[in-house]
PDB file of N, CA and C in Angstrom:
ATOM      1  N   UNK A   1      37.805  28.564 -42.002  1.00  0.00           N
ATOM      2  CA  UNK A   1      37.785  27.195 -41.357  1.00  0.00           C
ATOM      3  C   UNK A   1      36.524  27.570 -40.228  1.00  0.00           C
ATOM      4  N   UNK A   2      37.537  28.899 -39.364  1.00  0.00           N
ATOM      5  CA  UNK A   2      36.715  29.082 -38.030  1.00  0.00           C
ATOM      6  C   UNK A   2      35.312  30.108 -38.310  1.00  0.00           C
ATOM      7  N   UNK A   3      35.291  30.456 -39.438  1.00  0.00           N
ATOM      8  CA  UNK A   3      33.981  31.283 -39.642  1.00  0.00           C
ATOM      9  C   UNK A   3      32.940  30.207 -40.375  1.00  0.00           C
ATOM     10  N   UNK A   4      33.105  28.909 -40.812  1.00  0.00           N
ATOM     11  CA  UNK A   4      32.434  28.041 -41.070  1.00  0.00           C
ATOM     12  C   UNK A   4      31.527  27.614 -39.536  1.00  0.00           C
ATOM     13  N   UNK A   5      32.355  26.981 -38.969  1.00  0.00           N
ATOM     14  CA  UNK A   5      31.841  26.668 -37.425  1.00  0.00           C
ATOM     15  C   UNK A   5      31.140  27.615 -36.985  1.00  0.00           C
ATOM     16  N   UNK A   6      31.184  29.274 -37.052  1.00  0.00           N
ATOM     17  CA  UNK A   6      30.527  29.904 -36.220  1.00  0.00           C
ATOM     18  C   UNK A   6      29.519  30.312 -37.167  1.00  0.00           C
ATOM     19  N   UNK A   7      29.498  29.775 -38.818  1.00  0.00           N
ATOM     20  CA  UNK A   7      27.567  30.130 -39.222  1.00  0.00           C
ATOM     21  C   UNK A   7      27.422  28.988 -39.124  1.00  0.00           C
ATOM     22  N   UNK A   8      27.318  27.596 -38.785  1.00  0.00           N
ATOM     23  CA  UNK A   8      27.056  26.256 -38.609  1.00  0.00           C
ATOM     24  C   UNK A   8      26.301  26.806 -36.803  1.00  0.00           C
ATOM     25  N   UNK A   9      26.819  26.870 -35.978  1.00  0.00           N
ATOM     26  CA  UNK A   9      26.324  27.321 -35.029  1.00  0.00           C
ATOM     27  C   UNK A   9      25.434  28.446 -35.147  1.00  0.00           C
ATOM     28  N   UNK A  10      25.084  29.267 -35.817  1.00  0.00           N
ATOM     29  CA  UNK A  10      24.370  30.327 -36.005  1.00  0.00           C
ATOM     30  C   UNK A  10      23.135  29.597 -37.005  1.00  0.00           C
ATOM     31  N   UNK A  11      23.319  28.977 -37.548  1.00  0.00           N
ATOM     32  CA  UNK A  11      22.267  28.201 -37.827  1.00  0.00           C
ATOM     33  C   UNK A  11      21.265  27.151 -37.184  1.00  0.00           C
ATOM     34  N   UNK A  12      22.082  26.829 -36.585  1.00  0.00           N
ATOM     35  CA  UNK A  12      21.404  25.855 -35.759  1.00  0.00           C
ATOM     36  C   UNK A  12      20.922  26.847 -34.526  1.00  0.00           C
ATOM     37  N   UNK A  13      21.735  27.519 -34.212  1.00  0.00           N
ATOM     38  CA  UNK A  13      20.700  28.013 -33.080  1.00  0.00           C
ATOM     39  C   UNK A  13      19.201  28.347 -33.510  1.00  0.00           C
ATOM     40  N   UNK A  14      19.880  29.519 -34.674  1.00  0.00           N
ATOM     41  CA  UNK A  14      18.145  29.870 -35.289  1.00  0.00           C
ATOM     42  C   UNK A  14      17.236  28.879 -35.784  1.00  0.00           C
ATOM     43  N   UNK A  15      17.871  28.119 -36.465  1.00  0.00           N
ATOM     44  CA  UNK A  15      16.513  26.787 -36.256  1.00  0.00           C
ATOM     45  C   UNK A  15      16.018  26.280 -35.561  1.00  0.00           C
ATOM     46  N   UNK A  16      16.524  26.007 -34.276  1.00  0.00           N
ATOM     47  CA  UNK A  16      16.155  25.648 -32.709  1.00  0.00           C
ATOM     48  C   UNK A  16      14.943  26.798 -32.513  1.00  0.00           C
ATOM     49  N   UNK A  17      13.460  26.338 -32.038  1.00  0.00           N
ATOM     50  CA  UNK A  17      13.065  26.959 -31.421  1.00  0.00           C
ATOM     51  C   UNK A  17      13.071  27.001 -30.394  1.00  0.00           C
ATOM     52  N   UNK A  18      12.926  28.769 -29.700  1.00  0.00           N
ATOM     53  CA  UNK A  18      13.077  28.950 -28.386  1.00  0.00           C
ATOM     54  C   UNK A  18      12.463  28.181 -27.466  1.00  0.00           C
ATOM     55  N   UNK A  19      12.666  27.560 -26.385  1.00  0.00           N
ATOM     56  CA  UNK A  19      12.007  27.365 -25.015  1.00  0.00           C
ATOM     57  C   UNK A  19      10.793  27.921 -24.499  1.00  0.00           C
ATOM     58  N   UNK A  20       9.746  27.187 -24.374  1.00  0.00           N
ATOM     59  CA  UNK A  20       8.599  28.329 -24.104  1.00  0.00           C
ATOM     60  C   UNK A  20       8.668  28.017 -22.157  1.00  0.00           C
ATOM     61  N   UNK A  21       9.320  26.746 -21.769  1.00  0.00           N
ATOM     62  CA  UNK A  21       8.985  27.290 -20.787  1.00  0.00           C
ATOM     63  C   UNK A  21       8.499  25.458 -20.025  1.00  0.00           C
ATOM     64  N   UNK A  22       7.013  25.200 -21.082  1.00  0.00           N
ATOM     65  CA  UNK A  22       6.316  24.026 -20.711  1.00  0.00           C
ATOM     66  C   UNK A  22       6.209  23.245 -21.886  1.00  0.00           C
ATOM     67  N   UNK A  23       7.327  22.097 -21.711  1.00  0.00           N
ATOM     68  CA  UNK A  23       7.323  20.763 -22.678  1.00  0.00           C
ATOM     69  C   UNK A  23       6.283  20.054 -23.018  1.00  0.00           C
ATOM     70  N   UNK A  24       5.342  19.522 -21.970  1.00  0.00           N
ATOM     71  CA  UNK A  24       4.655  18.962 -22.037  1.00  0.00           C
ATOM     72  C   UNK A  24       3.866  19.237 -23.376  1.00  0.00           C
ATOM     73  N   UNK A  25       2.880  18.255 -23.764  1.00  0.00           N
ATOM     74  CA  UNK A  25       1.997  18.758 -25.131  1.00  0.00           C
ATOM     75  C   UNK A  25       0.987  18.810 -23.913  1.00  0.00           C
ATOM     76  N   UNK A  26       0.023  19.283 -24.886  1.00  0.00           N
ATOM     77  CA  UNK A  26      -1.774  20.096 -24.519  1.00  0.00           C
ATOM     78  C   UNK A  26      -2.305  18.654 -24.656  1.00  0.00           C
ATOM     79  N   UNK A  27      -3.187  19.210 -23.066  1.00  0.00           N
ATOM     80  CA  UNK A  27      -3.982  18.248 -22.847  1.00  0.00           C
ATOM     81  C   UNK A  27      -4.940  18.140 -24.037  1.00  0.00           C
ATOM     82  N   UNK A  28      -5.569  16.693 -24.227  1.00  0.00           N
ATOM     83  CA  UNK A  28      -6.777  16.889 -25.092  1.00  0.00           C
ATOM     84  C   UNK A  28      -8.178  16.679 -24.128  1.00  0.00           C
ATOM     85  N   UNK A  29      -8.624  16.364 -24.762  1.00  0.00           N
ATOM     86  CA  UNK A  29     -10.681  16.425 -24.239  1.00  0.00           C
ATOM     87  C   UNK A  29     -11.003  15.224 -24.663  1.00  0.00           C
ATOM     88  N   UNK A  30     -10.399  14.667 -25.062  1.00  0.00           N
ATOM     89  CA  UNK A  30     -11.204  13.001 -25.682  1.00  0.00           C
ATOM     90  C   UNK A  30     -10.062  12.231 -25.306  1.00  0.00           C
ATOM     91  N   UNK A  31     -10.011  11.149 -24.730  1.00  0.00           N
ATOM     92  CA  UNK A  31      -8.513  10.265 -24.020  1.00  0.00           C
ATOM     93  C   UNK A  31      -9.461   8.698 -24.812  1.00  0.00           C
ATOM     94  N   UNK A  32     -10.244   8.744 -25.464  1.00  0.00           N
ATOM     95  CA  UNK A  32     -10.198   7.775 -26.340  1.00  0.00           C
ATOM     96  C   UNK A  32      -9.790   7.190 -27.817  1.00  0.00           C
ATOM     97  N   UNK A  33      -9.212   6.330 -28.071  1.00  0.00           N
ATOM     98  CA  UNK A  33      -8.057   6.156 -29.010  1.00  0.00           C
ATOM     99  C   UNK A  33      -9.161   6.575 -30.437  1.00  0.00           C
ATOM    100  N   UNK A  34      -8.698   7.154 -31.222  1.00  0.00           N
ATOM    101  CA  UNK A  34      -8.906   7.425 -32.798  1.00  0.00           C
ATOM    102  C   UNK A  34     -10.050   6.268 -33.179  1.00  0.00           C
ATOM    103  N   UNK A  35     -10.878   6.622 -34.448  1.00  0.00           N
ATOM    104  CA  UNK A  35     -11.844   6.189 -34.672  1.00  0.00           C
ATOM    105  C   UNK A  35     -11.515   4.766 -35.557  1.00  0.00           C
ATOM    106  N   UNK A  36     -10.626   5.021 -36.161  1.00  0.00           N
ATOM    107  CA  UNK A  36      -9.689   3.666 -36.801  1.00  0.00           C
ATOM    108  C   UNK A  36      -8.668   3.313 -36.179  1.00  0.00           C
ATOM    109  N   UNK A  37      -8.439   3.834 -35.007  1.00  0.00           N
ATOM    110  CA  UNK A  37      -7.375   2.628 -34.547  1.00  0.00           C
ATOM    111  C   UNK A  37      -7.918   1.707 -33.031  1.00  0.00           C
ATOM    112  N   UNK A  38      -6.758   0.467 -33.743  1.00  0.00           N
ATOM    113  CA  UNK A  38      -7.614  -0.826 -33.099  1.00  0.00           C
ATOM    114  C   UNK A  38      -6.953  -1.106 -31.956  1.00  0.00           C
ATOM    115  N   UNK A  39      -6.037  -0.003 -31.206  1.00  0.00           N
ATOM    116  CA  UNK A  39      -4.961  -0.638 -30.273  1.00  0.00           C
ATOM    117  C   UNK A  39      -5.934   0.281 -28.819  1.00  0.00           C
ATOM    118  N   UNK A  40      -5.788  -1.161 -27.522  1.00  0.00           N
ATOM    119  CA  UNK A  40      -6.331  -0.615 -27.033  1.00  0.00           C
ATOM    120  C   UNK A  40      -5.619  -0.765 -25.920  1.00  0.00           C
ATOM    121  N   UNK A  41      -5.341  -0.302 -24.319  1.00  0.00           N
ATOM    122  CA  UNK A  41      -4.439  -0.823 -24.007  1.00  0.00           C
ATOM    123  C   UNK A  41      -5.224  -1.720 -22.717  1.00  0.00           C
ATOM    124  N   UNK A  42      -4.116  -2.399 -22.091  1.00  0.00           N
ATOM    125  CA  UNK A  42      -4.353  -3.699 -21.694  1.00  0.00           C
ATOM    126  C   UNK A  42      -5.257  -3.693 -20.326  1.00  0.00           C
ATOM    127  N   UNK A  43      -6.370  -4.724 -20.310  1.00  0.00           N
ATOM    128  CA  UNK A  43      -7.165  -4.445 -18.828  1.00  0.00           C
ATOM    129  C   UNK A  43      -6.043  -5.393 -18.074  1.00  0.00           C
ATOM    130  N   UNK A  44      -6.451  -4.968 -16.798  1.00  0.00           N
ATOM    131  CA  UNK A  44      -5.838  -5.558 -15.457  1.00  0.00           C
ATOM    132  C   UNK A  44      -6.950  -6.443 -15.147  1.00  0.00           C
ATOM    133  N   UNK A  45      -6.527  -7.826 -14.787  1.00  0.00           N
ATOM    134  CA  UNK A  45      -7.155  -8.766 -14.522  1.00  0.00           C
ATOM    135  C   UNK A  45      -7.741  -8.736 -13.082  1.00  0.00           C
ATOM    136  N   UNK A  46      -9.237  -8.846 -12.905  1.00  0.00           N
ATOM    137  CA  UNK A  46      -9.644  -8.152 -11.391  1.00  0.00           C
ATOM    138  C   UNK A  46      -9.553  -9.253 -10.558  1.00  0.00           C
ATOM    139  N   UNK A  47      -9.086  -8.970  -9.414  1.00  0.00           N
ATOM    140  CA  UNK A  47      -8.667  -9.413  -8.265  1.00  0.00           C
ATOM    141  C   UNK A  47     -10.040  -9.782  -7.316  1.00  0.00           C
ATOM    142  N   UNK A  48     -10.321 -10.810  -7.294  1.00  0.00           N
ATOM    143  CA  UNK A  48     -11.486 -11.056  -6.679  1.00  0.00           C
ATOM    144  C   UNK A  48     -11.013 -11.582  -4.700  1.00  0.00           C
ATOM    145  N   UNK A  49     -11.170 -10.584  -4.206  1.00  0.00           N
ATOM    146  CA  UNK A  49     -10.726 -11.327  -2.587  1.00  0.00           C
ATOM    147  C   UNK A  49     -11.923 -11.983  -2.304  1.00  0.00           C
ATOM    148  N   UNK A  50     -11.568 -12.547  -1.050  1.00  0.00           N
ATOM    149  CA  UNK A  50     -12.377 -13.535  -0.251  1.00  0.00           C
ATOM    150  C   UNK A  50     -12.611 -12.339   0.609  1.00  0.00           C
ATOM    151  N   UNK A  51     -14.190 -12.460   1.447  1.00  0.00           N
ATOM    152  CA  UNK A  51     -14.778 -11.284   2.278  1.00  0.00           C
ATOM    153  C   UNK A  51     -13.474 -11.605   3.730  1.00  0.00           C
ATOM    154  N   UNK A  52     -13.133 -11.177   4.400  1.00  0.00           N
ATOM    155  CA  UNK A  52     -12.756 -11.032   5.831  1.00  0.00           C
ATOM    156  C   UNK A  52     -14.128 -10.886   6.263  1.00  0.00           C
ATOM    157  N   UNK A  53     -13.960 -12.256   7.654  1.00  0.00           N
ATOM    158  CA  UNK A  53     -14.631 -12.144   9.064  1.00  0.00           C
ATOM    159  C   UNK A  53     -14.111 -12.363  10.738  1.00  0.00           C
ATOM    160  N   UNK A  54     -14.636 -11.784  11.113  1.00  0.00           N
ATOM    161  CA  UNK A  54     -14.613 -12.518  12.423  1.00  0.00           C
ATOM    162  C   UNK A  54     -14.400 -13.643  13.147  1.00  0.00           C
ATOM    163  N   UNK A  55     -12.895 -14.170  13.385  1.00  0.00           N
ATOM    164  CA  UNK A  55     -12.952 -15.413  14.230  1.00  0.00           C
ATOM    165  C   UNK A  55     -13.694 -15.946  15.163  1.00  0.00           C
ATOM    166  N   UNK A  56     -14.228 -14.786  16.063  1.00  0.00           N
ATOM    167  CA  UNK A  56     -14.846 -15.141  17.114  1.00  0.00           C
ATOM    168  C   UNK A  56     -16.305 -14.864  17.000  1.00  0.00           C
ATOM    169  N   UNK A  57     -17.517 -14.194  15.889  1.00  0.00           N
ATOM    170  CA  UNK A  57     -18.419 -14.275  15.806  1.00  0.00           C
ATOM    171  C   UNK A  57     -18.783 -15.478  14.838  1.00  0.00           C
ATOM    172  N   UNK A  58     -17.633 -15.857  14.175  1.00  0.00           N
ATOM    173  CA  UNK A  58     -18.384 -16.978  13.611  1.00  0.00           C
ATOM    174  C   UNK A  58     -17.878 -18.339  14.502  1.00  0.00           C
ATOM    175  N   UNK A  59     -17.208 -18.376  15.436  1.00  0.00           N
ATOM    176  CA  UNK A  59     -17.049 -19.642  15.968  1.00  0.00           C
ATOM    177  C   UNK A  59     -17.185 -18.809  17.192  1.00  0.00           C
ATOM    178  N   UNK A  60     -18.158 -19.327  18.192  1.00  0.00           N
ATOM    179  CA  UNK A  60     -18.742 -18.829  19.440  1.00  0.00           C
ATOM    180  C   UNK A  60     -17.793 -19.594  20.150  1.00  0.00           C
ATOM    181  N   UNK A  61     -17.458 -20.601  20.406  1.00  0.00           N
ATOM    182  CA  UNK A  61     -16.838 -21.091  21.546  1.00  0.00           C
ATOM    183  C   UNK A  61     -15.015 -20.662  21.695  1.00  0.00           C
ATOM    184  N   UNK A  62     -14.708 -20.075  20.594  1.00  0.00           N
ATOM    185  CA  UNK A  62     -13.510 -19.402  20.976  1.00  0.00           C
ATOM    186  C   UNK A  62     -13.726 -17.829  22.413  1.00  0.00           C
ATOM    187  N   UNK A  63     -12.772 -18.221  22.809  1.00  0.00           N
ATOM    188  CA  UNK A  63     -12.902 -16.526  23.906  1.00  0.00           C
ATOM    189  C   UNK A  63     -11.368 -16.131  23.869  1.00  0.00           C
ATOM    190  N   UNK A  64     -11.449 -14.910  23.878  1.00  0.00           N
ATOM    191  CA  UNK A  64     -10.815 -14.105  23.809  1.00  0.00           C
ATOM    192  C   UNK A  64      -9.827 -13.494  26.011  1.00  0.00           C
ATOM    193  N   UNK A  65      -8.750 -14.672  25.522  1.00  0.00           N
ATOM    194  CA  UNK A  65      -8.037 -14.701  26.888  1.00  0.00           C
ATOM    195  C   UNK A  65      -7.006 -14.443  27.113  1.00  0.00           C
ATOM    196  N   UNK A  66      -6.450 -13.601  27.992  1.00  0.00           N
ATOM    197  CA  UNK A  66      -5.075 -13.072  28.042  1.00  0.00           C
ATOM    198  C   UNK A  66      -3.953 -13.862  28.683  1.00  0.00           C
ATOM    199  N   UNK A  67      -4.353 -15.053  29.405  1.00  0.00           N
ATOM    200  CA  UNK A  67      -3.371 -16.484  29.021  1.00  0.00           C
ATOM    201  C   UNK A  67      -3.377 -17.242  28.438  1.00  0.00           C
ATOM    202  N   UNK A  68      -3.746 -17.116  26.992  1.00  0.00           N
ATOM    203  CA  UNK A  68      -3.443 -17.673  25.838  1.00  0.00           C
ATOM    204  C   UNK A  68      -2.715 -16.698  25.140  1.00  0.00           C
ATOM    205  N   UNK A  69      -1.818 -16.980  24.925  1.00  0.00           N
ATOM    206  CA  UNK A  69      -0.554 -16.341  24.055  1.00  0.00           C
ATOM    207  C   UNK A  69      -0.646 -17.109  22.259  1.00  0.00           C
ATOM    208  N   UNK A  70      -0.844 -18.441  22.402  1.00  0.00           N
ATOM    209  CA  UNK A  70      -0.636 -18.893  21.289  1.00  0.00           C
ATOM    210  C   UNK A  70      -1.979 -18.308  20.551  1.00  0.00           C
ATOM    211  N   UNK A  71      -2.983 -17.942  21.140  1.00  0.00           N
ATOM    212  CA  UNK A  71      -4.179 -17.418  20.270  1.00  0.00           C
ATOM    213  C   UNK A  71      -3.806 -15.848  20.087  1.00  0.00           C
ATOM    214  N   UNK A  72      -3.448 -15.111  20.627  1.00  0.00           N
ATOM    215  CA  UNK A  72      -2.802 -13.597  21.102  1.00  0.00           C
ATOM    216  C   UNK A  72      -1.721 -13.273  19.606  1.00  0.00           C
ATOM    217  N   UNK A  73      -1.084 -14.490  19.413  1.00  0.00           N
ATOM    218  CA  UNK A  73       0.038 -14.214  18.586  1.00  0.00           C
ATOM    219  C   UNK A  73      -0.341 -13.938  17.027  1.00  0.00           C
ATOM    220  N   UNK A  74      -1.303 -14.757  16.972  1.00  0.00           N
ATOM    221  CA  UNK A  74      -2.050 -14.461  15.795  1.00  0.00           C
ATOM    222  C   UNK A  74      -2.696 -12.821  15.154  1.00  0.00           C
ATOM    223  N   UNK A  75      -2.948 -12.000  16.144  1.00  0.00           N
ATOM    224  CA  UNK A  75      -3.213 -10.959  16.083  1.00  0.00           C
ATOM    225  C   UNK A  75      -1.815 -10.028  16.163  1.00  0.00           C
ATOM    226  N   UNK A  76      -0.461  -9.943  16.475  1.00  0.00           N
ATOM    227  CA  UNK A  76       0.636  -9.027  16.650  1.00  0.00           C
ATOM    228  C   UNK A  76       1.387  -9.936  15.071  1.00  0.00           C
ATOM    229  N   UNK A  77       2.638  -7.942  14.608  1.00  0.00           N
ATOM    230  CA  UNK A  77       3.425  -8.901  13.985  1.00  0.00           C
ATOM    231  C   UNK A  77       4.699  -9.672  14.288  1.00  0.00           C
ATOM    232  N   UNK A  78       5.559  -9.728  13.583  1.00  0.00           N
ATOM    233  CA  UNK A  78       6.697 -10.305  13.961  1.00  0.00           C
ATOM    234  C   UNK A  78       8.011  -8.933  14.545  1.00  0.00           C
ATOM    235  N   UNK A  79       7.031  -7.646  14.854  1.00  0.00           N
ATOM    236  CA  UNK A  79       8.002  -6.505  15.611  1.00  0.00           C
ATOM    237  C   UNK A  79       7.034  -6.509  16.795  1.00  0.00           C
ATOM    238  N   UNK A  80       6.134  -7.317  16.688  1.00  0.00           N
ATOM    239  CA  UNK A  80       4.939  -7.394  18.109  1.00  0.00           C
ATOM    240  C   UNK A  80       4.006  -6.280  18.409  1.00  0.00           C
ATOM    241  N   UNK A  81       3.977  -5.284  17.108  1.00  0.00           N
ATOM    242  CA  UNK A  81       2.774  -4.332  17.129  1.00  0.00           C
ATOM    243  C   UNK A  81       0.891  -5.160  16.798  1.00  0.00           C
ATOM    244  N   UNK A  82       0.240  -4.572  17.483  1.00  0.00           N
ATOM    245  CA  UNK A  82      -0.830  -4.787  17.349  1.00  0.00           C
ATOM    246  C   UNK A  82      -1.831  -4.942  15.961  1.00  0.00           C
ATOM    247  N   UNK A  83      -2.372  -6.100  15.017  1.00  0.00           N
ATOM    248  CA  UNK A  83      -2.421  -5.500  13.296  1.00  0.00           C
ATOM    249  C   UNK A  83      -3.998  -4.757  14.377  1.00  0.00           C
ATOM    250  N   UNK A  84      -4.138  -4.143  12.480  1.00  0.00           N
ATOM    251  CA  UNK A  84      -5.575  -3.862  12.822  1.00  0.00           C
ATOM    252  C   UNK A  84      -6.973  -4.582  12.518  1.00  0.00           C
ATOM    253  N   UNK A  85      -7.861  -4.009  12.525  1.00  0.00           N
ATOM    254  CA  UNK A  85      -9.069  -5.048  12.087  1.00  0.00           C
ATOM    255  C   UNK A  85      -9.071  -5.195  10.848  1.00  0.00           C
ATOM    256  N   UNK A  86      -8.493  -4.471  10.093  1.00  0.00           N
ATOM    257  CA  UNK A  86      -8.780  -3.913   8.958  1.00  0.00           C
ATOM    258  C   UNK A  86      -7.506  -5.307   7.968  1.00  0.00           C
ATOM    259  N   UNK A  87      -7.216  -6.064   8.536  1.00  0.00           N
ATOM    260  CA  UNK A  87      -6.214  -6.871   7.938  1.00  0.00           C
ATOM    261  C   UNK A  87      -6.486  -8.705   8.621  1.00  0.00           C
ATOM    262  N   UNK A  88      -6.681  -8.287  10.216  1.00  0.00           N
ATOM    263  CA  UNK A  88      -7.217  -9.641  10.413  1.00  0.00           C
ATOM    264  C   UNK A  88      -8.509  -9.613  10.410  1.00  0.00           C
ATOM    265  N   UNK A  89      -9.683  -8.895  10.271  1.00  0.00           N
ATOM    266  CA  UNK A  89     -11.242  -8.923   9.695  1.00  0.00           C
ATOM    267  C   UNK A  89     -11.950  -9.284  11.178  1.00  0.00           C
ATOM    268  N   UNK A  90     -11.600  -8.583  12.042  1.00  0.00           N
ATOM    269  CA  UNK A  90     -11.744  -9.185  13.426  1.00  0.00           C
ATOM    270  C   UNK A  90     -13.098  -7.788  13.638  1.00  0.00           C
ATOM    271  N   UNK A  91     -13.988  -8.392  14.230  1.00  0.00           N
ATOM    272  CA  UNK A  91     -15.164  -6.739  14.043  1.00  0.00           C
ATOM    273  C   UNK A  91     -14.479  -5.934  15.508  1.00  0.00           C
ATOM    274  N   UNK A  92     -15.259  -4.987  15.227  1.00  0.00           N
ATOM    275  CA  UNK A  92     -14.784  -3.792  16.177  1.00  0.00           C
ATOM    276  C   UNK A  92     -14.958  -4.217  17.695  1.00  0.00           C
ATOM    277  N   UNK A  93     -15.496  -5.306  17.986  1.00  0.00           N
ATOM    278  CA  UNK A  93     -15.980  -5.137  19.833  1.00  0.00           C
ATOM    279  C   UNK A  93     -14.813  -6.514  19.890  1.00  0.00           C
ATOM    280  N   UNK A  94     -14.776  -7.351  19.077  1.00  0.00           N
ATOM    281  CA  UNK A  94     -13.763  -8.299  19.591  1.00  0.00           C
ATOM    282  C   UNK A  94     -12.116  -7.694  19.427  1.00  0.00           C
ATOM    283  N   UNK A  95     -11.730  -6.585  18.324  1.00  0.00           N
ATOM    284  CA  UNK A  95     -10.964  -5.792  18.321  1.00  0.00           C
ATOM    285  C   UNK A  95     -10.149  -5.363  19.738  1.00  0.00           C
ATOM    286  N   UNK A  96     -11.283  -4.834  19.926  1.00  0.00           N
ATOM    287  CA  UNK A  96     -11.292  -3.861  21.251  1.00  0.00           C
ATOM    288  C   UNK A  96     -10.785  -5.392  22.397  1.00  0.00           C
ATOM    289  N   UNK A  97     -11.836  -6.411  22.211  1.00  0.00           N
ATOM    290  CA  UNK A  97     -11.303  -7.663  23.469  1.00  0.00           C
ATOM    291  C   UNK A  97      -9.474  -7.919  23.277  1.00  0.00           C
ATOM    292  N   UNK A  98      -9.632  -7.923  21.700  1.00  0.00           N
ATOM    293  CA  UNK A  98      -8.203  -8.682  21.734  1.00  0.00           C
ATOM    294  C   UNK A  98      -6.913  -7.747  22.221  1.00  0.00           C
ATOM    295  N   UNK A  99      -6.773  -6.359  22.085  1.00  0.00           N
ATOM    296  CA  UNK A  99      -6.137  -5.131  22.133  1.00  0.00           C
ATOM    297  C   UNK A  99      -5.859  -5.116  23.514  1.00  0.00           C
ATOM    298  N   UNK A 100      -6.778  -5.228  24.662  1.00  0.00           N
ATOM    299  CA  UNK A 100      -7.004  -5.734  26.166  1.00  0.00           C
ATOM    300  C   UNK A 100      -5.740  -6.767  26.406  1.00  0.00           C
ATOM    301  N   UNK A 101      -6.399  -7.746  25.799  1.00  0.00           N
ATOM    302  CA  UNK A 101      -6.006  -8.518  26.057  1.00  0.00           C
ATOM    303  C   UNK A 101      -3.924  -8.663  25.712  1.00  0.00           C
ATOM    304  N   UNK A 102      -4.054  -8.785  24.643  1.00  0.00           N
ATOM    305  CA  UNK A 102      -2.803  -8.331  24.332  1.00  0.00           C
ATOM    306  C   UNK A 102      -1.800  -7.486  25.308  1.00  0.00           C
ATOM    307  N   UNK A 103      -2.763  -6.375  25.564  1.00  0.00           N
ATOM    308  CA  UNK A 103      -1.822  -5.343  26.871  1.00  0.00           C
ATOM    309  C   UNK A 103      -1.894  -5.714  27.955  1.00  0.00           C
ATOM    310  N   UNK A 104      -2.808  -6.508  28.627  1.00  0.00           N
ATOM    311  CA  UNK A 104      -2.460  -7.204  29.830  1.00  0.00           C
ATOM    312  C   UNK A 104      -1.507  -8.734  29.693  1.00  0.00           C
ATOM    313  N   UNK A 105      -1.343  -9.152  28.323  1.00  0.00           N
ATOM    314  CA  UNK A 105      -0.010 -10.280  28.689  1.00  0.00           C
ATOM    315  C   UNK A 105       0.890  -9.768  28.277  1.00  0.00           C
ATOM    316  N   UNK A 106       1.326  -8.472  27.897  1.00  0.00           N
ATOM    317  CA  UNK A 106       2.312  -8.204  27.848  1.00  0.00           C
ATOM    318  C   UNK A 106       2.769  -7.886  29.160  1.00  0.00           C
ATOM    319  N   UNK A 107       2.073  -7.376  30.243  1.00  0.00           N
ATOM    320  CA  UNK A 107       2.109  -6.927  31.322  1.00  0.00           C
ATOM    321  C   UNK A 107       2.364  -7.953  32.644  1.00  0.00           C
ATOM    322  N   UNK A 108       1.772  -9.034  32.009  1.00  0.00           N
ATOM    323  CA  UNK A 108       2.353 -10.293  32.672  1.00  0.00           C
ATOM    324  C   UNK A 108       3.283 -10.918  32.049  1.00  0.00           C
ATOM    325  N   UNK A 109       3.946 -10.648  30.974  1.00  0.00           N
ATOM    326  CA  UNK A 109       5.148 -10.898  30.840  1.00  0.00           C
ATOM    327  C   UNK A 109       4.867 -12.399  30.019  1.00  0.00           C
ATOM    328  N   UNK A 110       3.436 -12.442  29.456  1.00  0.00           N
ATOM    329  CA  UNK A 110       3.334 -13.704  28.708  1.00  0.00           C
ATOM    330  C   UNK A 110       3.423 -13.043  27.395  1.00  0.00           C
ATOM    331  N   UNK A 111       3.735 -12.302  26.774  1.00  0.00           N
ATOM    332  CA  UNK A 111       3.982 -11.462  25.701  1.00  0.00           C
ATOM    333  C   UNK A 111       5.253 -10.379  25.418  1.00  0.00           C
ATOM    334  N   UNK A 112       5.713 -10.395  24.994  1.00  0.00           N
ATOM    335  CA  UNK A 112       7.231  -9.113  24.828  1.00  0.00           C
ATOM    336  C   UNK A 112       6.434  -8.298  24.288  1.00  0.00           C
ATOM    337  N   UNK A 113       6.762  -6.782  24.816  1.00  0.00           N
ATOM    338  CA  UNK A 113       6.768  -5.224  24.362  1.00  0.00           C
ATOM    339  C   UNK A 113       7.317  -5.171  22.713  1.00  0.00           C
ATOM    340  N   UNK A 114       8.669  -6.121  22.563  1.00  0.00           N
ATOM    341  CA  UNK A 114       9.532  -5.165  21.785  1.00  0.00           C
ATOM    342  C   UNK A 114       9.965  -6.603  21.472  1.00  0.00           C
ATOM    343  N   UNK A 115      10.894  -7.001  20.077  1.00  0.00           N
ATOM    344  CA  UNK A 115      11.527  -8.002  19.689  1.00  0.00           C
ATOM    345  C   UNK A 115      12.892  -8.214  20.279  1.00  0.00           C
ATOM    346  N   UNK A 116      13.390  -7.179  21.489  1.00  0.00           N
ATOM    347  CA  UNK A 116      14.000  -6.653  21.692  1.00  0.00           C
ATOM    348  C   UNK A 116      14.464  -7.659  23.031  1.00  0.00           C
ATOM    349  N   UNK A 117      13.202  -7.868  23.732  1.00  0.00           N
ATOM    350  CA  UNK A 117      13.168  -8.428  24.667  1.00  0.00           C
ATOM    351  C   UNK A 117      13.716  -9.851  24.535  1.00  0.00           C
ATOM    352  N   UNK A 118      14.262 -10.708  25.285  1.00  0.00           N
ATOM    353  CA  UNK A 118      14.835 -12.054  24.914  1.00  0.00           C
ATOM    354  C   UNK A 118      13.922 -12.746  26.105  1.00  0.00           C
ATOM    355  N   UNK A 119      13.732 -13.923  25.603  1.00  0.00           N
ATOM    356  CA  UNK A 119      12.520 -14.869  26.525  1.00  0.00           C
ATOM    357  C   UNK A 119      13.934 -15.325  27.824  1.00  0.00           C
TER     358      UNK A 119
END
């Protein structure tokens, strides 16, 4: 009985190939499916995003003012960080004005510095 167990272990270990270290398949140069294959990977739907625009350039009657916290709250997060222009869509000129106005409003206690500051 013990001889059968030893012989089984020997045969299974001999039939298995020795590990080479890299078990990944060799890369193929052509990633297209074979000529007879009709399987294609599904395509992702194309997302069309609206172009962002500067609110202040579009509406010249709007002015950036540090005494208007309701306007400035649109440009800060719930953690009171200033949103970047790539998120809000404002141009560089008006983004600098927004940043200055938010910082002035914080110093005058019209806007909090952090969410830990209570009203």
